Amino acid sequence: ANPSILEPVMNVEIEAPSEFQGSVVAAVNRRMGLIQSSDMNDDGSGIKIVAEVPLANMFGYSTELRSLTQGKGEFSMEYLKHIQVPKNAQ
């Protein structure tokens, strides 16, 4: 047998004003998130980012997002799948 450790991955949807796009994307990348899409509103005032992020890396994200967006950013997440934990993290 070749056992491996699995971790839950969440589908995360983030909405924020477009002026904060760079810092929001950087924060998702720091949390080992894989950005699936990034769309701008019709009027260009806001962005919607969809990403896959491991659940363990999402703790404390609410506070970080509020800090980065001056309280204007929101996010929601739901379970997506389980993936194998990288060997260097086991």
PDB file of N, CA and C in Angstrom:
ATOM      1  N   ALA A   1       0.840  -1.189   0.000  1.00  0.00           N
ATOM      2  CA  ALA A   1       0.000   0.000   0.000  1.00  0.00           C
ATOM      3  C   ALA A   1       0.878   1.243   0.000  1.00  0.00           C
ATOM      4  N   ASN A   2       0.360   2.278  -0.606  1.00  0.00           N
ATOM      5  CA  ASN A   2       1.064   3.553  -0.662  1.00  0.00           C
ATOM      6  C   ASN A   2       0.131   4.641  -0.124  1.00  0.00           C
ATOM      7  N   PRO A   3       0.011   4.767   1.210  1.00  0.00           N
ATOM      8  CA  PRO A   3      -0.927   5.729   1.782  1.00  0.00           C
ATOM      9  C   PRO A   3      -0.471   7.169   1.553  1.00  0.00           C
ATOM     10  N   SER A   4      -1.449   8.057   1.496  1.00  0.00           N
ATOM     11  CA  SER A   4      -1.133   9.482   1.369  1.00  0.00           C
ATOM     12  C   SER A   4      -2.158  10.293   2.159  1.00  0.00           C
ATOM     13  N   ILE A   5      -1.756  11.465   2.565  1.00  0.00           N
ATOM     14  CA  ILE A   5      -2.620  12.356   3.334  1.00  0.00           C
ATOM     15  C   ILE A   5      -3.368  13.253   2.354  1.00  0.00           C
ATOM     16  N   LEU A   6      -4.680  13.390   2.571  1.00  0.00           N
ATOM     17  CA  LEU A   6      -5.504  14.241   1.728  1.00  0.00           C
ATOM     18  C   LEU A   6      -5.941  15.474   2.508  1.00  0.00           C
ATOM     19  N   GLU A   7      -6.160  16.576   1.784  1.00  0.00           N
ATOM     20  CA  GLU A   7      -6.674  17.785   2.414  1.00  0.00           C
ATOM     21  C   GLU A   7      -7.827  18.336   1.585  1.00  0.00           C
ATOM     22  N   PRO A   8      -8.816  18.955   2.253  1.00  0.00           N
ATOM     23  CA  PRO A   8      -9.937  19.517   1.514  1.00  0.00           C
ATOM     24  C   PRO A   8      -9.533  20.795   0.786  1.00  0.00           C
ATOM     25  N   VAL A   9     -10.080  20.957  -0.412  1.00  0.00           N
ATOM     26  CA  VAL A   9      -9.854  22.159  -1.208  1.00  0.00           C
ATOM     27  C   VAL A   9     -11.195  22.863  -1.357  1.00  0.00           C
ATOM     28  N   MET A  10     -11.185  24.167  -1.185  1.00  0.00           N
ATOM     29  CA  MET A  10     -12.408  24.953  -1.233  1.00  0.00           C
ATOM     30  C   MET A  10     -12.464  25.772  -2.521  1.00  0.00           C
ATOM     31  N   ASN A  11     -13.678  25.942  -3.046  1.00  0.00           N
ATOM     32  CA  ASN A  11     -13.913  26.854  -4.156  1.00  0.00           C
ATOM     33  C   ASN A  11     -14.218  28.214  -3.523  1.00  0.00           C
ATOM     34  N   VAL A  12     -13.389  29.213  -3.777  1.00  0.00           N
ATOM     35  CA  VAL A  12     -13.511  30.518  -3.128  1.00  0.00           C
ATOM     36  C   VAL A  12     -13.885  31.571  -4.170  1.00  0.00           C
ATOM     37  N   GLU A  13     -14.942  32.340  -3.886  1.00  0.00           N
ATOM     38  CA  GLU A  13     -15.350  33.452  -4.741  1.00  0.00           C
ATOM     39  C   GLU A  13     -15.137  34.746  -3.967  1.00  0.00           C
ATOM     40  N   ILE A  14     -14.344  35.635  -4.542  1.00  0.00           N
ATOM     41  CA  ILE A  14     -13.994  36.886  -3.886  1.00  0.00           C
ATOM     42  C   ILE A  14     -14.529  38.038  -4.718  1.00  0.00           C
ATOM     43  N   GLU A  15     -15.194  38.986  -4.068  1.00  0.00           N
ATOM     44  CA  GLU A  15     -15.655  40.195  -4.728  1.00  0.00           C
ATOM     45  C   GLU A  15     -15.052  41.387  -4.002  1.00  0.00           C
ATOM     46  N   ALA A  16     -14.453  42.296  -4.782  1.00  0.00           N
ATOM     47  CA  ALA A  16     -13.780  43.459  -4.202  1.00  0.00           C
ATOM     48  C   ALA A  16     -13.750  44.575  -5.235  1.00  0.00           C
ATOM     49  N   PRO A  17     -13.552  45.820  -4.791  1.00  0.00           N
ATOM     50  CA  PRO A  17     -13.368  46.913  -5.751  1.00  0.00           C
ATOM     51  C   PRO A  17     -12.132  46.667  -6.612  1.00  0.00           C
ATOM     52  N   SER A  18     -12.193  47.085  -7.868  1.00  0.00           N
ATOM     53  CA  SER A  18     -11.122  46.780  -8.822  1.00  0.00           C
ATOM     54  C   SER A  18      -9.784  47.401  -8.436  1.00  0.00           C
ATOM     55  N   GLU A  19      -9.789  48.463  -7.661  1.00  0.00           N
ATOM     56  CA  GLU A  19      -8.529  49.101  -7.271  1.00  0.00           C
ATOM     57  C   GLU A  19      -7.667  48.215  -6.384  1.00  0.00           C
ATOM     58  N   PHE A  20      -8.283  47.169  -5.785  1.00  0.00           N
ATOM     59  CA  PHE A  20      -7.546  46.270  -4.894  1.00  0.00           C
ATOM     60  C   PHE A  20      -7.203  44.947  -5.556  1.00  0.00           C
ATOM     61  N   GLN A  21      -7.365  44.827  -6.862  1.00  0.00           N
ATOM     62  CA  GLN A  21      -7.178  43.556  -7.547  1.00  0.00           C
ATOM     63  C   GLN A  21      -5.784  42.968  -7.322  1.00  0.00           C
ATOM     64  N   GLY A  22      -4.754  43.761  -7.450  1.00  0.00           N
ATOM     65  CA  GLY A  22      -3.387  43.263  -7.293  1.00  0.00           C
ATOM     66  C   GLY A  22      -3.127  42.678  -5.923  1.00  0.00           C
ATOM     67  N   SER A  23      -3.546  43.369  -4.881  1.00  0.00           N
ATOM     68  CA  SER A  23      -3.286  42.872  -3.534  1.00  0.00           C
ATOM     69  C   SER A  23      -4.148  41.657  -3.194  1.00  0.00           C
ATOM     70  N   VAL A  24      -5.370  41.588  -3.732  1.00  0.00           N
ATOM     71  CA  VAL A  24      -6.232  40.429  -3.486  1.00  0.00           C
ATOM     72  C   VAL A  24      -5.665  39.189  -4.186  1.00  0.00           C
ATOM     73  N   VAL A  25      -5.219  39.341  -5.428  1.00  0.00           N
ATOM     74  CA  VAL A  25      -4.626  38.217  -6.162  1.00  0.00           C
ATOM     75  C   VAL A  25      -3.345  37.749  -5.463  1.00  0.00           C
ATOM     76  N   ALA A  26      -2.529  38.677  -5.003  1.00  0.00           N
ATOM     77  CA  ALA A  26      -1.297  38.316  -4.299  1.00  0.00           C
ATOM     78  C   ALA A  26      -1.605  37.538  -3.016  1.00  0.00           C
ATOM     79  N   ALA A  27      -2.648  37.932  -2.304  1.00  0.00           N
ATOM     80  CA  ALA A  27      -3.018  37.239  -1.073  1.00  0.00           C
ATOM     81  C   ALA A  27      -3.477  35.811  -1.362  1.00  0.00           C
ATOM     82  N   VAL A  28      -4.220  35.619  -2.448  1.00  0.00           N
ATOM     83  CA  VAL A  28      -4.661  34.272  -2.824  1.00  0.00           C
ATOM     84  C   VAL A  28      -3.447  33.415  -3.192  1.00  0.00           C
ATOM     85  N   ASN A  29      -2.517  33.987  -3.930  1.00  0.00           N
ATOM     86  CA  ASN A  29      -1.308  33.250  -4.312  1.00  0.00           C
ATOM     87  C   ASN A  29      -0.479  32.855  -3.096  1.00  0.00           C
ATOM     88  N   ARG A  30      -0.381  33.732  -2.105  1.00  0.00           N
ATOM     89  CA  ARG A  30       0.370  33.421  -0.882  1.00  0.00           C
ATOM     90  C   ARG A  30      -0.243  32.236  -0.139  1.00  0.00           C
ATOM     91  N   ARG A  31      -1.543  32.055  -0.304  1.00  0.00           N
ATOM     92  CA  ARG A  31      -2.244  30.960   0.367  1.00  0.00           C
ATOM     93  C   ARG A  31      -2.312  29.707  -0.504  1.00  0.00           C
ATOM     94  N   MET A  32      -1.454  29.620  -1.493  1.00  0.00           N
ATOM     95  CA  MET A  32      -1.356  28.471  -2.401  1.00  0.00           C
ATOM     96  C   MET A  32      -2.647  28.254  -3.178  1.00  0.00           C
ATOM     97  N   GLY A  33      -3.333  29.352  -3.519  1.00  0.00           N
ATOM     98  CA  GLY A  33      -4.565  29.260  -4.283  1.00  0.00           C
ATOM     99  C   GLY A  33      -4.297  29.201  -5.774  1.00  0.00           C
ATOM    100  N   LEU A  34      -5.163  28.490  -6.502  1.00  0.00           N
ATOM    101  CA  LEU A  34      -5.099  28.433  -7.957  1.00  0.00           C
ATOM    102  C   LEU A  34      -6.261  29.258  -8.494  1.00  0.00           C
ATOM    103  N   ILE A  35      -5.959  30.378  -9.120  1.00  0.00           N
ATOM    104  CA  ILE A  35      -7.004  31.256  -9.631  1.00  0.00           C
ATOM    105  C   ILE A  35      -7.589  30.637 -10.894  1.00  0.00           C
ATOM    106  N   GLN A  36      -8.913  30.452 -10.889  1.00  0.00           N
ATOM    107  CA  GLN A  36      -9.621  29.855 -12.009  1.00  0.00           C
ATOM    108  C   GLN A  36     -10.140  30.917 -12.973  1.00  0.00           C
ATOM    109  N   SER A  37     -10.610  32.041 -12.423  1.00  0.00           N
ATOM    110  CA  SER A  37     -11.091  33.131 -13.279  1.00  0.00           C
ATOM    111  C   SER A  37     -11.028  34.449 -12.524  1.00  0.00           C
ATOM    112  N   SER A  38     -10.952  35.510 -13.301  1.00  0.00           N
ATOM    113  CA  SER A  38     -10.931  36.858 -12.747  1.00  0.00           C
ATOM    114  C   SER A  38     -11.716  37.749 -13.707  1.00  0.00           C
ATOM    115  N   ASP A  39     -12.874  38.221 -13.265  1.00  0.00           N
ATOM    116  CA  ASP A  39     -13.754  39.014 -14.123  1.00  0.00           C
ATOM    117  C   ASP A  39     -14.000  40.383 -13.509  1.00  0.00           C
ATOM    118  N   MET A  40     -14.198  41.372 -14.376  1.00  0.00           N
ATOM    119  CA  MET A  40     -14.505  42.721 -13.939  1.00  0.00           C
ATOM    120  C   MET A  40     -15.984  43.009 -14.191  1.00  0.00           C
ATOM    121  N   ASN A  41     -16.606  43.793 -13.329  1.00  0.00           N
ATOM    122  CA  ASN A  41     -17.996  44.197 -13.523  1.00  0.00           C
ATOM    123  C   ASN A  41     -18.138  44.974 -14.831  1.00  0.00           C
ATOM    124  N   ASP A  42     -19.378  45.103 -15.291  1.00  0.00           N
ATOM    125  CA  ASP A  42     -19.636  45.844 -16.531  1.00  0.00           C
ATOM    126  C   ASP A  42     -19.176  47.298 -16.442  1.00  0.00           C
ATOM    127  N   ASP A  43     -19.342  47.907 -15.283  1.00  0.00           N
ATOM    128  CA  ASP A  43     -18.934  49.310 -15.134  1.00  0.00           C
ATOM    129  C   ASP A  43     -17.475  49.464 -14.707  1.00  0.00           C
ATOM    130  N   GLY A  44     -16.774  48.357 -14.478  1.00  0.00           N
ATOM    131  CA  GLY A  44     -15.356  48.407 -14.134  1.00  0.00           C
ATOM    132  C   GLY A  44     -15.060  48.754 -12.693  1.00  0.00           C
ATOM    133  N   SER A  45     -16.088  48.790 -11.853  1.00  0.00           N
ATOM    134  CA  SER A  45     -15.872  49.214 -10.466  1.00  0.00           C
ATOM    135  C   SER A  45     -15.448  48.076  -9.544  1.00  0.00           C
ATOM    136  N   GLY A  46     -15.745  46.828  -9.917  1.00  0.00           N
ATOM    137  CA  GLY A  46     -15.429  45.706  -9.033  1.00  0.00           C
ATOM    138  C   GLY A  46     -14.920  44.506  -9.797  1.00  0.00           C
ATOM    139  N   ILE A  47     -14.325  43.588  -9.047  1.00  0.00           N
ATOM    140  CA  ILE A  47     -13.808  42.352  -9.633  1.00  0.00           C
ATOM    141  C   ILE A  47     -14.415  41.165  -8.904  1.00  0.00           C
ATOM    142  N   LYS A  48     -14.457  40.042  -9.609  1.00  0.00           N
ATOM    143  CA  LYS A  48     -14.871  38.776  -9.012  1.00  0.00           C
ATOM    144  C   LYS A  48     -13.798  37.763  -9.363  1.00  0.00           C
ATOM    145  N   ILE A  49     -13.176  37.194  -8.354  1.00  0.00           N
ATOM    146  CA  ILE A  49     -12.110  36.214  -8.537  1.00  0.00           C
ATOM    147  C   ILE A  49     -12.607  34.871  -8.009  1.00  0.00           C
ATOM    148  N   VAL A  50     -12.431  33.828  -8.809  1.00  0.00           N
ATOM    149  CA  VAL A  50     -12.779  32.468  -8.400  1.00  0.00           C
ATOM    150  C   VAL A  50     -11.471  31.684  -8.311  1.00  0.00           C
ATOM    151  N   ALA A  51     -11.254  31.037  -7.173  1.00  0.00           N
ATOM    152  CA  ALA A  51      -9.997  30.310  -6.955  1.00  0.00           C
ATOM    153  C   ALA A  51     -10.254  29.029  -6.172  1.00  0.00           C
ATOM    154  N   GLU A  52      -9.309  28.098  -6.282  1.00  0.00           N
ATOM    155  CA  GLU A  52      -9.312  26.876  -5.486  1.00  0.00           C
ATOM    156  C   GLU A  52      -8.189  26.998  -4.459  1.00  0.00           C
ATOM    157  N   VAL A  53      -8.557  26.933  -3.177  1.00  0.00           N
ATOM    158  CA  VAL A  53      -7.581  27.136  -2.106  1.00  0.00           C
ATOM    159  C   VAL A  53      -7.736  26.032  -1.060  1.00  0.00           C
ATOM    160  N   PRO A  54      -6.630  25.435  -0.591  1.00  0.00           N
ATOM    161  CA  PRO A  54      -6.735  24.447   0.491  1.00  0.00           C
ATOM    162  C   PRO A  54      -7.358  25.074   1.742  1.00  0.00           C
ATOM    163  N   LEU A  55      -8.241  24.324   2.392  1.00  0.00           N
ATOM    164  CA  LEU A  55      -8.953  24.841   3.561  1.00  0.00           C
ATOM    165  C   LEU A  55      -8.004  25.297   4.664  1.00  0.00           C
ATOM    166  N   ALA A  56      -6.947  24.549   4.901  1.00  0.00           N
ATOM    167  CA  ALA A  56      -6.011  24.900   5.974  1.00  0.00           C
ATOM    168  C   ALA A  56      -5.391  26.281   5.755  1.00  0.00           C
ATOM    169  N   ASN A  57      -5.302  26.729   4.512  1.00  0.00           N
ATOM    170  CA  ASN A  57      -4.706  28.028   4.212  1.00  0.00           C
ATOM    171  C   ASN A  57      -5.718  29.168   4.262  1.00  0.00           C
ATOM    172  N   MET A  58      -6.988  28.859   4.480  1.00  0.00           N
ATOM    173  CA  MET A  58      -8.015  29.895   4.487  1.00  0.00           C
ATOM    174  C   MET A  58      -8.258  30.505   5.866  1.00  0.00           C
ATOM    175  N   PHE A  59      -7.701  29.907   6.907  1.00  0.00           N
ATOM    176  CA  PHE A  59      -7.926  30.455   8.242  1.00  0.00           C
ATOM    177  C   PHE A  59      -7.286  31.833   8.353  1.00  0.00           C
ATOM    178  N   GLY A  60      -8.063  32.803   8.803  1.00  0.00           N
ATOM    179  CA  GLY A  60      -7.589  34.177   8.926  1.00  0.00           C
ATOM    180  C   GLY A  60      -7.748  35.000   7.673  1.00  0.00           C
ATOM    181  N   TYR A  61      -8.319  34.421   6.612  1.00  0.00           N
ATOM    182  CA  TYR A  61      -8.427  35.161   5.349  1.00  0.00           C
ATOM    183  C   TYR A  61      -9.440  36.294   5.442  1.00  0.00           C
ATOM    184  N   SER A  62     -10.493  36.112   6.204  1.00  0.00           N
ATOM    185  CA  SER A  62     -11.508  37.150   6.337  1.00  0.00           C
ATOM    186  C   SER A  62     -10.900  38.461   6.842  1.00  0.00           C
ATOM    187  N   THR A  63     -10.083  38.359   7.859  1.00  0.00           N
ATOM    188  CA  THR A  63      -9.422  39.544   8.415  1.00  0.00           C
ATOM    189  C   THR A  63      -8.455  40.155   7.413  1.00  0.00           C
ATOM    190  N   GLU A  64      -7.694  39.301   6.718  1.00  0.00           N
ATOM    191  CA  GLU A  64      -6.733  39.804   5.735  1.00  0.00           C
ATOM    192  C   GLU A  64      -7.444  40.520   4.580  1.00  0.00           C
ATOM    193  N   LEU A  65      -8.546  39.934   4.102  1.00  0.00           N
ATOM    194  CA  LEU A  65      -9.278  40.553   2.995  1.00  0.00           C
ATOM    195  C   LEU A  65      -9.853  41.902   3.403  1.00  0.00           C
ATOM    196  N   ARG A  66     -10.383  41.996   4.604  1.00  0.00           N
ATOM    197  CA  ARG A  66     -10.910  43.271   5.080  1.00  0.00           C
ATOM    198  C   ARG A  66      -9.800  44.316   5.176  1.00  0.00           C
ATOM    199  N   SER A  67      -8.631  43.915   5.630  1.00  0.00           N
ATOM    200  CA  SER A  67      -7.494  44.839   5.730  1.00  0.00           C
ATOM    201  C   SER A  67      -7.052  45.316   4.353  1.00  0.00           C
ATOM    202  N   LEU A  68      -6.962  44.388   3.409  1.00  0.00           N
ATOM    203  CA  LEU A  68      -6.479  44.729   2.070  1.00  0.00           C
ATOM    204  C   LEU A  68      -7.444  45.646   1.313  1.00  0.00           C
ATOM    205  N   THR A  69      -8.752  45.493   1.569  1.00  0.00           N
ATOM    206  CA  THR A  69      -9.751  46.212   0.777  1.00  0.00           C
ATOM    207  C   THR A  69     -10.452  47.313   1.561  1.00  0.00           C
ATOM    208  N   GLN A  70      -9.923  47.706   2.676  1.00  0.00           N
ATOM    209  CA  GLN A  70     -10.513  48.730   3.529  1.00  0.00           C
ATOM    210  C   GLN A  70     -11.955  48.378   3.906  1.00  0.00           C
ATOM    211  N   GLY A  71     -12.196  47.088   4.136  1.00  0.00           N
ATOM    212  CA  GLY A  71     -13.508  46.617   4.563  1.00  0.00           C
ATOM    213  C   GLY A  71     -14.511  46.411   3.443  1.00  0.00           C
ATOM    214  N   LYS A  72     -14.107  46.593   2.193  1.00  0.00           N
ATOM    215  CA  LYS A  72     -15.049  46.525   1.073  1.00  0.00           C
ATOM    216  C   LYS A  72     -15.080  45.170   0.377  1.00  0.00           C
ATOM    217  N   GLY A  73     -14.153  44.264   0.696  1.00  0.00           N
ATOM    218  CA  GLY A  73     -14.094  42.967   0.039  1.00  0.00           C
ATOM    219  C   GLY A  73     -14.936  41.921   0.751  1.00  0.00           C
ATOM    220  N   GLU A  74     -15.489  40.999  -0.021  1.00  0.00           N
ATOM    221  CA  GLU A  74     -16.283  39.899   0.529  1.00  0.00           C
ATOM    222  C   GLU A  74     -15.842  38.605  -0.139  1.00  0.00           C
ATOM    223  N   PHE A  75     -16.029  37.497   0.555  1.00  0.00           N
ATOM    224  CA  PHE A  75     -15.735  36.208  -0.071  1.00  0.00           C
ATOM    225  C   PHE A  75     -16.682  35.150   0.458  1.00  0.00           C
ATOM    226  N   SER A  76     -16.842  34.111  -0.326  1.00  0.00           N
ATOM    227  CA  SER A  76     -17.593  32.937   0.106  1.00  0.00           C
ATOM    228  C   SER A  76     -16.810  31.721  -0.350  1.00  0.00           C
ATOM    229  N   MET A  77     -16.985  30.618   0.366  1.00  0.00           N
ATOM    230  CA  MET A  77     -16.279  29.405  -0.027  1.00  0.00           C
ATOM    231  C   MET A  77     -17.164  28.205   0.218  1.00  0.00           C
ATOM    232  N   GLU A  78     -16.954  27.178  -0.616  1.00  0.00           N
ATOM    233  CA  GLU A  78     -17.663  25.918  -0.441  1.00  0.00           C
ATOM    234  C   GLU A  78     -16.725  24.783  -0.801  1.00  0.00           C
ATOM    235  N   TYR A  79     -17.016  23.625  -0.225  1.00  0.00           N
ATOM    236  CA  TYR A  79     -16.168  22.458  -0.456  1.00  0.00           C
ATOM    237  C   TYR A  79     -16.161  22.111  -1.940  1.00  0.00           C
ATOM    238  N   LEU A  80     -14.980  21.755  -2.458  1.00  0.00           N
ATOM    239  CA  LEU A  80     -14.847  21.367  -3.855  1.00  0.00           C
ATOM    240  C   LEU A  80     -14.384  19.915  -3.994  1.00  0.00           C
ATOM    241  N   LYS A  81     -13.256  19.568  -3.352  1.00  0.00           N
ATOM    242  CA  LYS A  81     -12.684  18.230  -3.501  1.00  0.00           C
ATOM    243  C   LYS A  81     -11.575  18.034  -2.476  1.00  0.00           C
ATOM    244  N   HIS A  82     -11.026  16.841  -2.455  1.00  0.00           N
ATOM    245  CA  HIS A  82      -9.830  16.538  -1.669  1.00  0.00           C
ATOM    246  C   HIS A  82      -8.660  16.325  -2.635  1.00  0.00           C
ATOM    247  N   ILE A  83      -7.491  16.794  -2.246  1.00  0.00           N
ATOM    248  CA  ILE A  83      -6.274  16.542  -3.038  1.00  0.00           C
ATOM    249  C   ILE A  83      -5.190  16.016  -2.106  1.00  0.00           C
ATOM    250  N   GLN A  84      -4.182  15.421  -2.695  1.00  0.00           N
ATOM    251  CA  GLN A  84      -3.062  14.898  -1.918  1.00  0.00           C
ATOM    252  C   GLN A  84      -2.203  16.058  -1.420  1.00  0.00           C
ATOM    253  N   VAL A  85      -1.810  15.988  -0.155  1.00  0.00           N
ATOM    254  CA  VAL A  85      -0.923  16.995   0.420  1.00  0.00           C
ATOM    255  C   VAL A  85       0.459  16.835  -0.199  1.00  0.00           C
ATOM    256  N   PRO A  86       1.119  17.941  -0.578  1.00  0.00           N
ATOM    257  CA  PRO A  86       2.468  17.823  -1.143  1.00  0.00           C
ATOM    258  C   PRO A  86       3.416  17.096  -0.184  1.00  0.00           C
ATOM    259  N   LYS A  87       4.342  16.329  -0.728  1.00  0.00           N
ATOM    260  CA  LYS A  87       5.260  15.522   0.084  1.00  0.00           C
ATOM    261  C   LYS A  87       6.053  16.367   1.068  1.00  0.00           C
ATOM    262  N   ASN A  88       6.436  17.590   0.685  1.00  0.00           N
ATOM    263  CA  ASN A  88       7.231  18.431   1.581  1.00  0.00           C
ATOM    264  C   ASN A  88       6.414  18.966   2.751  1.00  0.00           C
ATOM    265  N   ALA A  89       5.098  18.875   2.694  1.00  0.00           N
ATOM    266  CA  ALA A  89       4.254  19.375   3.772  1.00  0.00           C
ATOM    267  C   ALA A  89       3.726  18.272   4.698  1.00  0.00           C
ATOM    268  N   GLN A  90       3.974  17.006   4.366  1.00  0.00           N
ATOM    269  CA  GLN A  90       3.447  15.910   5.171  1.00  0.00           C
ATOM    270  C   GLN A  90       4.251  15.679   6.424  1.00  0.00           C
TER     271      GLN A  90
END
